[in-house]
Amino acid sequence: MGFADAAIGPASSLSAFYTSFWWIPAGVLAAALAIKLPTIIRLWTDPLLRAVGGLLLLACAVFVFVAPSTIARVNRVTGVPNISAPLVYSLLTAFCASCLVLIIAWRDGLPEHSPSTRRATRWVVLVYGGVIAALWVLFALADVPVERTRDLDTYYANTPFMREEILLYLLAHTTAVLITSKLIWNWIRTEGLDAWLRWGLKFLGIGYALNLAFDAAKLTAVGARWSGNDLDWLSLHVAPALACLSAVSIAVGFILPHAGQYLHERWLIRVAHRQLRPLYLLMRTAHGSGLPLVLRAGPELRLTRRETFIRDVLLPLARRTDERLRERSYDAALGLGVPPERARAVAAAVVILDAIAAGTGRDEGGHEADTTELLREIGAVSRALGHPDLLRRVRARAMASGDAVAVPE
C-alpha cells in the first residue's frame, strides 16, 4: 500500500521487522515536532514556523497511518476493505503539496506579501486538491475486496480504476518532489545564505532525492506487473528503507535552520559568560563580594547579571586609572607583536590591576580616564587577564619606559 508495502518472507522475524518498520520514521518525526514545538508556541505569530509544525505533524500522520497495524485497524473500524489506501494516498499527496507551498513561501515570501507566492500557492492547492478528490472517486469505482496491508500497490497494479489511482498518486508525488527538489537546489546555490539555512536545505535536498528514488522503485515494481514480470521486492524491500531515510533527512532539514541557530546562540552566550569569569573574579575581589545566587536563572540572565556587575564595579575603578601607564603598556604590547585591538585590552588589564593594587588612582599627568571603550570591551579585557605571563612582560616594558606601580602577580 503506497508507502506501506513490507516484505512477506518466510521468516517471521523479518515480517515482524517490517510490521514495525514504519514506526521508526514516525518516531523521528514526532521527536522533531517535539523539539520544534516550544519555538512554535513562543513565536506563534510566525506563519512559517506554524507551517513547519503543521508539516511535521502531517508527515508524522503519514507514517502512523501507513503502518500495517494501523491500516488493518482503520479497515476494520470502517468495515471497508482497503479504505486506508485513499486515506494514506491523500495524506501523502497533501504532505507533498504542503512541502511545495512551504518551500515557495520560505524562499519567496509569504502569500500575503508576494503575488508570485500567492499565485503558486493557489495553483498547488487547486491541482493537489483535485488529485485528492480523484483518488477517492477512483477508489469508489474500483473493486478491491481482498485486504492488502503490505503489498496493495503491486497486488492491484492491473485492477481497473485502482491501477489509475496508484499511478495518479505516484505521479503526483513524483511531480511535487521534482519541483521541490529543483527549488531547493537552486536556492542552495544562492549567495549570502545563512550557514544553518544552507545545511538545512542540503538535508532537505537529500531527503527529496531519496523520495525520487522511492518513486522510481515503486513505479518500476508496478510497471513490471503491467508487463507480466515480478519486481515486487523493489516495492517491498527497497522503497520502505528509502522512505524511512527520506523522512529522517527531511525532518533534520526543517529543524536545523532554527534549532541550529538557537543552539549556536546559546553556545555563544555560554562562551561569553565563561570568558568574563577572570574579570568577574577580579571585580569581586575589588568589590569585596560577588553576585547573589539566583535559582533558575537562564544563560541570558546570568550573562546580563555578570556584565552589569562587572561594569558597575569597573566604572569607578576605571575613572582612577593611570592613563600614562595605559599608553606605555599599549606601546609595550605592540612592541611584543600583539595586534592593536588586543594590545588595547592588555593595556587596560594592566592599568586595572595597577589601580586595584594601589587602592587609589594616580593620574599624575591630569589625563581624564576614558571609560567608554573599556566598559564596552570587557570581554577582551577579561580574556587578556587569562594571560598573566603576557601581562608581566608588558608591565616590565612599561616600567622600563617610566615609573609604574608593579602589577600584582
Protein backbone atom coordinates (compact mmCIF):
# COMPACT_ATOMS: atom_id res chain seq x y z
CA MET A 1 0.00 0.00 0.00
CA GLY A 2 1.74 3.15 -1.11
CA PHE A 3 4.40 3.56 1.47
CA ALA A 4 3.07 0.58 3.40
CA ASP A 5 4.41 -2.37 1.49
CA ALA A 6 6.55 -4.72 3.53
CA ALA A 7 8.28 -7.96 2.97
CA ILE A 8 6.33 -11.20 3.24
CA GLY A 9 9.19 -13.58 3.72
CA PRO A 10 9.35 -16.99 5.20
CA ALA A 11 10.96 -15.73 8.37
CA SER A 12 8.52 -14.39 10.91
CA SER A 13 11.21 -12.12 12.36
CA LEU A 14 11.57 -10.33 9.01
CA SER A 15 7.81 -9.91 8.82
CA ALA A 16 7.74 -8.51 12.35
CA PHE A 17 10.51 -6.10 11.46
CA TYR A 18 8.59 -4.67 8.53
CA THR A 19 5.40 -4.55 10.59
CA SER A 20 7.13 -2.12 12.99
CA PHE A 21 9.37 -0.55 10.34
CA TRP A 22 7.08 2.42 9.75
CA TRP A 23 7.04 3.45 13.38
CA ILE A 24 10.74 4.40 13.13
CA PRO A 25 10.29 7.47 10.90
CA ALA A 26 7.04 8.27 12.74
CA GLY A 27 9.03 8.39 15.99
CA VAL A 28 11.76 10.53 14.42
CA LEU A 29 9.21 12.98 13.04
CA ALA A 30 7.37 13.10 16.37
CA ALA A 31 10.66 13.85 18.14
CA ALA A 32 11.39 16.58 15.59
CA LEU A 33 7.97 18.10 16.23
CA ALA A 34 8.52 17.93 20.00
CA ILE A 35 11.87 19.73 19.62
CA LYS A 36 10.27 22.37 17.43
CA LEU A 37 7.09 22.82 19.48
CA PRO A 38 8.45 25.23 22.17
CA THR A 39 9.70 27.60 19.45
CA ILE A 40 6.41 27.34 17.57
CA ILE A 41 4.43 28.16 20.74
CA ARG A 42 6.76 31.01 21.72
CA LEU A 43 6.66 32.53 18.21
CA TRP A 44 3.10 31.54 17.33
CA THR A 45 2.61 34.69 15.24
CA ASP A 46 5.25 33.48 12.76
CA PRO A 47 3.26 31.77 9.97
CA LEU A 48 6.30 29.94 8.61
CA LEU A 49 7.01 28.33 11.98
CA ARG A 50 3.38 27.27 12.25
CA ALA A 51 3.59 25.84 8.75
CA VAL A 52 6.71 23.84 9.62
CA GLY A 53 4.93 22.47 12.69
CA GLY A 54 1.89 21.52 10.63
CA LEU A 55 4.08 19.91 8.02
CA LEU A 56 5.89 17.77 10.57
CA LEU A 57 2.56 16.78 12.10
CA LEU A 58 1.24 15.80 8.65
CA ALA A 59 4.39 13.82 7.88
CA CYS A 60 4.08 12.01 11.20
CA ALA A 61 0.44 11.20 10.37
CA VAL A 62 1.52 9.70 7.05
CA PHE A 63 3.83 7.20 8.72
CA VAL A 64 1.34 6.43 11.51
CA PHE A 65 -1.46 5.63 9.07
CA VAL A 66 0.86 3.77 6.71
CA ALA A 67 1.89 1.23 9.35
CA PRO A 68 0.31 -2.17 8.55
CA SER A 69 -1.21 -2.39 12.04
CA THR A 70 -2.90 0.98 11.58
CA ILE A 71 -4.07 0.04 8.08
CA ALA A 72 -5.72 -3.10 9.39
CA ARG A 73 -7.34 -1.22 12.26
CA VAL A 74 -8.76 1.52 10.02
CA ASN A 75 -10.12 -1.06 7.58
CA ARG A 76 -11.73 -2.96 10.44
CA VAL A 77 -13.27 0.11 12.09
CA THR A 78 -14.78 1.41 8.85
CA GLY A 79 -15.76 -2.01 7.58
CA VAL A 80 -14.42 -1.15 4.11
CA PRO A 81 -11.53 -3.33 2.83
CA ASN A 82 -8.53 -1.25 1.80
CA ILE A 83 -10.11 2.12 2.58
CA SER A 84 -6.74 3.01 4.09
CA ALA A 85 -5.43 3.22 0.53
CA PRO A 86 -7.10 6.51 -0.46
CA LEU A 87 -6.55 7.80 3.10
CA VAL A 88 -2.80 7.19 3.01
CA TYR A 89 -2.52 8.38 -0.59
CA SER A 90 -4.42 11.56 0.34
CA LEU A 91 -2.19 12.25 3.33
CA LEU A 92 0.91 11.68 1.24
CA THR A 93 -0.39 13.95 -1.53
CA ALA A 94 -1.29 16.67 0.98
CA PHE A 95 2.18 16.37 2.53
CA CYS A 96 3.85 16.80 -0.87
CA ALA A 97 1.70 19.83 -1.66
CA SER A 98 2.43 21.34 1.77
CA CYS A 99 6.17 20.88 1.27
CA LEU A 100 5.98 22.59 -2.10
CA VAL A 101 3.96 25.52 -0.74
CA LEU A 102 6.24 25.91 2.29
CA ILE A 103 9.43 25.93 0.23
CA ILE A 104 7.95 28.56 -2.11
CA ALA A 105 6.85 30.74 0.83
CA TRP A 106 10.15 30.14 2.65
CA ARG A 107 12.13 31.27 -0.36
CA ASP A 108 9.96 33.98 -1.96
CA GLY A 109 7.96 35.32 1.00
CA LEU A 110 4.51 34.79 2.46
CA PRO A 111 1.48 34.77 0.13
CA GLU A 112 0.09 37.97 1.65
CA HIS A 113 3.36 39.75 0.83
CA SER A 114 4.30 38.16 -2.51
CA PRO A 115 1.94 37.96 -5.54
CA SER A 116 4.06 35.19 -7.09
CA THR A 117 3.82 33.12 -3.91
CA ARG A 118 0.08 33.71 -3.79
CA ARG A 119 -0.38 32.52 -7.38
CA ALA A 120 1.85 29.47 -6.89
CA THR A 121 0.06 28.54 -3.66
CA ARG A 122 -3.33 28.82 -5.37
CA TRP A 123 -2.23 26.54 -8.21
CA VAL A 124 -0.75 23.93 -5.86
CA VAL A 125 -3.88 23.86 -3.70
CA LEU A 126 -6.19 23.57 -6.73
CA VAL A 127 -4.16 20.89 -8.50
CA TYR A 128 -3.41 18.71 -5.49
CA GLY A 129 -6.86 19.23 -4.04
CA GLY A 130 -8.17 17.86 -7.33
CA VAL A 131 -5.78 14.92 -7.12
CA ILE A 132 -7.03 14.04 -3.63
CA ALA A 133 -10.67 14.19 -4.80
CA ALA A 134 -9.82 11.99 -7.79
CA LEU A 135 -8.16 9.43 -5.52
CA TRP A 136 -11.38 8.93 -3.59
CA VAL A 137 -13.52 8.77 -6.75
CA LEU A 138 -11.25 6.15 -8.30
CA PHE A 139 -11.29 4.10 -5.11
CA ALA A 140 -15.09 4.19 -5.06
CA LEU A 141 -15.13 2.88 -8.64
CA ALA A 142 -12.52 0.17 -8.05
CA ASP A 143 -13.25 -3.38 -6.95
CA VAL A 144 -10.68 -4.25 -4.25
CA PRO A 145 -12.33 -6.77 -1.91
CA VAL A 146 -9.14 -8.50 -0.68
CA GLU A 147 -7.42 -6.57 2.11
CA ARG A 148 -3.72 -5.97 1.46
CA THR A 149 -1.85 -4.24 4.27
CA ARG A 150 1.64 -4.52 2.77
CA ASP A 151 1.59 -5.05 -0.97
CA LEU A 152 -1.50 -3.28 -2.29
CA ASP A 153 0.39 -1.34 -4.98
CA THR A 154 1.66 -4.41 -6.76
CA TYR A 155 -1.27 -6.72 -5.90
CA TYR A 156 -3.82 -4.39 -7.53
CA ALA A 157 -1.47 -2.97 -10.18
CA ASN A 158 -3.67 -4.36 -13.00
CA THR A 159 -7.08 -3.73 -11.41
CA PRO A 160 -9.28 -1.17 -13.25
CA PHE A 161 -9.54 2.22 -11.50
CA MET A 162 -7.22 1.05 -8.71
CA ARG A 163 -4.46 0.89 -11.32
CA GLU A 164 -5.20 4.53 -12.23
CA GLU A 165 -5.31 5.54 -8.56
CA ILE A 166 -1.91 4.01 -7.84
CA LEU A 167 -0.42 5.67 -10.91
CA LEU A 168 -2.06 9.02 -10.04
CA TYR A 169 -0.66 9.22 -6.52
CA LEU A 170 2.81 8.14 -7.66
CA LEU A 171 2.88 10.70 -10.49
CA ALA A 172 1.54 13.46 -8.23
CA HIS A 173 4.17 12.58 -5.64
CA THR A 174 6.96 12.47 -8.22
CA THR A 175 5.93 15.80 -9.76
CA ALA A 176 5.85 17.57 -6.37
CA VAL A 177 9.19 16.06 -5.39
CA LEU A 178 10.83 17.08 -8.68
CA ILE A 179 9.62 20.68 -8.42
CA THR A 180 10.53 20.96 -4.74
CA SER A 181 13.97 19.46 -5.36
CA LYS A 182 14.66 21.95 -8.15
CA LEU A 183 13.62 24.87 -5.95
CA ILE A 184 15.77 23.63 -3.07
CA TRP A 185 18.95 23.05 -5.09
CA ASN A 186 18.54 26.39 -6.88
CA TRP A 187 18.16 28.05 -3.50
CA ILE A 188 21.25 26.33 -2.12
CA ARG A 189 23.32 27.96 -4.87
CA THR A 190 22.13 31.43 -3.83
CA GLU A 191 24.83 33.70 -2.42
CA GLY A 192 24.64 35.05 1.10
CA LEU A 193 22.66 32.24 2.72
CA ASP A 194 22.97 31.68 6.46
CA ALA A 195 25.16 28.64 7.11
CA TRP A 196 22.45 26.88 9.14
CA LEU A 197 19.86 27.51 6.45
CA ARG A 198 22.22 26.18 3.77
CA TRP A 199 22.82 22.96 5.73
CA GLY A 200 19.11 22.59 6.35
CA LEU A 201 18.44 22.93 2.63
CA LYS A 202 21.10 20.33 1.89
CA PHE A 203 19.38 17.83 4.16
CA LEU A 204 16.07 18.67 2.50
CA GLY A 205 17.66 18.15 -0.90
CA ILE A 206 18.97 14.74 0.16
CA GLY A 207 15.56 13.84 1.56
CA TYR A 208 13.79 14.71 -1.67
CA ALA A 209 16.40 12.90 -3.72
CA LEU A 210 15.62 9.80 -1.66
CA ASN A 211 11.93 10.44 -2.33
CA LEU A 212 12.65 10.35 -6.05
CA ALA A 213 14.42 7.03 -5.58
CA PHE A 214 11.35 5.81 -3.67
CA ASP A 215 9.10 6.81 -6.58
CA ALA A 216 11.43 5.10 -9.05
CA ALA A 217 11.33 1.85 -7.04
CA LYS A 218 7.55 1.93 -6.78
CA LEU A 219 6.95 2.80 -10.43
CA THR A 220 9.38 0.12 -11.57
CA ALA A 221 7.65 -2.53 -9.44
CA VAL A 222 4.18 -1.50 -10.67
CA GLY A 223 5.37 -1.27 -14.26
CA ALA A 224 6.82 -4.76 -14.01
CA ARG A 225 3.39 -6.06 -13.00
CA TRP A 226 1.87 -4.38 -16.05
CA SER A 227 4.33 -6.22 -18.29
CA GLY A 228 3.77 -9.58 -16.57
CA ASN A 229 7.03 -9.54 -14.59
CA ASP A 230 7.66 -9.64 -10.88
CA LEU A 231 9.87 -6.99 -9.30
CA ASP A 232 7.84 -6.74 -6.12
CA TRP A 233 10.99 -6.76 -3.99
CA LEU A 234 11.60 -3.14 -5.06
CA SER A 235 8.30 -2.13 -3.51
CA LEU A 236 8.53 -4.50 -0.58
CA HIS A 237 12.17 -4.02 0.48
CA VAL A 238 13.83 -1.03 -1.20
CA ALA A 239 11.03 1.55 -1.11
CA PRO A 240 10.39 1.30 2.67
CA ALA A 241 14.06 1.87 3.50
CA LEU A 242 14.21 4.86 1.16
CA ALA A 243 11.05 6.31 2.69
CA CYS A 244 12.48 5.99 6.19
CA LEU A 245 15.78 7.66 5.29
CA SER A 246 13.93 10.39 3.41
CA ALA A 247 11.70 11.16 6.39
CA VAL A 248 14.68 11.47 8.73
CA SER A 249 16.58 13.72 6.32
CA ILE A 250 13.59 15.98 5.70
CA ALA A 251 12.90 16.25 9.43
CA VAL A 252 16.50 17.31 10.04
CA GLY A 253 16.30 19.75 7.14
CA PHE A 254 13.30 21.57 8.52
CA ILE A 255 14.61 21.64 12.09
CA LEU A 256 18.27 22.51 11.51
CA PRO A 257 17.98 26.18 10.43
CA HIS A 258 16.01 27.15 13.54
CA ALA A 259 17.38 24.68 16.07
CA GLY A 260 20.95 25.15 14.86
CA GLN A 261 20.76 28.92 15.11
CA TYR A 262 19.15 28.66 18.55
CA LEU A 263 21.82 26.25 19.85
CA HIS A 264 24.56 28.38 18.30
CA GLU A 265 23.27 31.48 20.07
CA ARG A 266 23.02 29.62 23.37
CA TRP A 267 26.59 28.37 22.92
CA LEU A 268 27.85 31.91 22.26
CA ILE A 269 26.09 33.13 25.42
CA ARG A 270 27.72 30.41 27.50
CA VAL A 271 31.13 31.13 25.94
CA ALA A 272 30.74 34.86 26.66
CA HIS A 273 29.73 34.10 30.26
CA ARG A 274 32.74 31.83 30.75
CA GLN A 275 35.15 34.33 29.13
CA LEU A 276 34.04 37.03 31.56
CA ARG A 277 35.00 34.89 34.55
CA PRO A 278 38.58 36.26 35.04
CA LEU A 279 37.37 39.88 35.05
CA TYR A 280 34.36 38.99 37.20
CA LEU A 281 36.62 37.34 39.83
CA LEU A 282 38.89 40.38 39.81
CA MET A 283 35.95 42.76 40.24
CA ARG A 284 34.56 40.58 43.01
CA THR A 285 37.90 40.91 44.79
CA ALA A 286 37.84 44.68 44.35
CA HIS A 287 34.20 44.96 45.45
CA GLY A 288 34.50 42.55 48.36
CA SER A 289 31.58 40.38 47.32
CA GLY A 290 30.09 38.80 44.23
CA LEU A 291 26.67 38.30 42.73
CA PRO A 292 23.97 36.71 44.89
CA LEU A 293 22.80 33.31 43.73
CA VAL A 294 19.58 33.34 41.71
CA LEU A 295 17.87 29.99 41.28
CA ARG A 296 16.53 29.05 37.84
CA ALA A 297 18.37 31.88 36.10
CA GLY A 298 18.75 31.17 32.40
CA PRO A 299 22.00 31.67 30.47
CA GLU A 300 20.91 35.06 29.12
CA LEU A 301 20.07 36.36 32.59
CA ARG A 302 23.31 35.04 34.08
CA LEU A 303 25.33 36.75 31.35
CA THR A 304 23.44 40.04 31.77
CA ARG A 305 23.91 39.99 35.54
CA ARG A 306 27.62 39.25 35.24
CA GLU A 307 28.10 42.04 32.66
CA THR A 308 26.17 44.51 34.82
CA PHE A 309 28.13 43.63 37.95
CA ILE A 310 31.47 44.00 36.14
CA ARG A 311 30.55 47.40 34.70
CA ASP A 312 29.14 48.68 38.00
CA VAL A 313 32.38 47.84 39.83
CA LEU A 314 34.66 48.77 36.95
CA LEU A 315 33.23 52.22 36.30
CA PRO A 316 34.53 53.98 39.46
CA LEU A 317 37.73 51.94 39.28
CA ALA A 318 38.38 52.90 35.66
CA ARG A 319 37.99 56.61 36.43
CA ARG A 320 41.08 56.50 38.64
CA THR A 321 43.43 54.53 36.40
CA ASP A 322 46.79 55.89 35.29
CA GLU A 323 46.35 56.91 31.66
CA ARG A 324 50.09 57.34 31.12
CA LEU A 325 50.60 53.76 32.25
CA ARG A 326 47.90 52.69 29.81
CA GLU A 327 49.70 54.42 26.95
CA ARG A 328 53.08 52.94 27.87
CA SER A 329 51.51 49.47 28.27
CA TYR A 330 49.83 49.75 24.89
CA ASP A 331 53.14 50.64 23.22
CA ALA A 332 54.87 47.82 25.10
CA ALA A 333 52.27 45.30 23.91
CA LEU A 334 52.68 46.47 20.33
CA GLY A 335 56.43 46.09 20.74
CA LEU A 336 55.87 42.45 21.72
CA GLY A 337 53.98 41.83 18.49
CA VAL A 338 50.48 41.95 19.96
CA PRO A 339 47.84 43.13 17.43
CA PRO A 340 46.49 46.65 18.13
CA GLU A 341 43.00 45.57 19.24
CA ARG A 342 44.34 43.00 21.67
CA ALA A 343 47.09 45.40 22.79
CA ARG A 344 44.41 47.86 23.95
CA ALA A 345 42.78 45.13 26.02
CA VAL A 346 46.14 44.11 27.52
CA ALA A 347 46.92 47.72 28.42
CA ALA A 348 43.51 48.08 30.05
CA ALA A 349 44.10 44.92 32.09
CA VAL A 350 47.47 46.26 33.28
CA VAL A 351 46.06 49.59 34.50
CA ILE A 352 43.06 47.92 36.17
CA LEU A 353 45.39 45.65 38.12
CA ASP A 354 47.54 48.69 38.91
CA ALA A 355 44.56 50.64 40.24
CA ILE A 356 43.38 47.75 42.40
CA ALA A 357 46.89 47.28 43.82
CA ALA A 358 47.33 50.98 44.55
CA GLY A 359 43.88 51.43 46.08
CA THR A 360 43.67 54.92 44.56
CA GLY A 361 44.25 56.50 41.21
CA ARG A 362 47.47 58.19 40.24
CA ASP A 363 46.68 60.15 37.12
CA GLU A 364 49.75 62.25 37.61
CA GLY A 365 49.56 64.00 34.27
CA GLY A 366 46.00 65.16 34.75
CA HIS A 367 44.70 62.95 31.95
CA GLU A 368 40.98 62.16 32.19
CA ALA A 369 40.43 58.43 32.04
CA ASP A 370 38.31 57.33 29.07
CA THR A 371 35.94 54.64 30.38
CA THR A 372 33.73 54.28 27.28
CA GLU A 373 35.88 51.84 25.36
CA LEU A 374 36.88 49.95 28.48
CA LEU A 375 33.30 49.32 29.57
CA ARG A 376 32.36 48.27 26.06
CA GLU A 377 35.26 45.83 25.64
CA ILE A 378 35.04 43.97 28.94
CA GLY A 379 35.15 40.63 27.11
CA ALA A 380 38.52 41.42 25.52
CA VAL A 381 39.89 42.71 28.84
CA SER A 382 38.75 39.56 30.61
CA ARG A 383 40.47 37.39 28.01
CA ALA A 384 43.64 39.41 28.47
CA LEU A 385 43.54 38.68 32.21
CA GLY A 386 43.75 35.00 31.31
CA HIS A 387 47.36 35.52 30.10
CA PRO A 388 49.31 36.66 33.19
CA ASP A 389 52.69 35.94 31.58
CA LEU A 390 51.97 38.41 28.81
CA LEU A 391 50.75 40.99 31.34
CA ARG A 392 54.00 40.66 33.31
CA ARG A 393 56.10 41.15 30.16
CA VAL A 394 54.07 44.18 29.13
CA ARG A 395 54.33 45.57 32.68
CA ALA A 396 58.09 45.13 32.65
CA ARG A 397 58.46 47.04 29.37
CA ALA A 398 56.09 49.76 30.56
CA MET A 399 58.09 50.16 33.77
CA ALA A 400 61.30 50.37 31.77
CA SER A 401 59.93 53.42 29.95
CA GLY A 402 58.69 55.19 33.10
CA ASP A 403 57.74 54.81 36.75
CA ALA A 404 54.79 52.48 37.38
CA VAL A 405 53.40 50.59 40.28
CA ALA A 406 54.01 46.90 39.89
CA VAL A 407 51.13 44.77 38.68
CA PRO A 408 50.49 42.03 41.24
CA GLU A 409 51.20 38.56 40.06
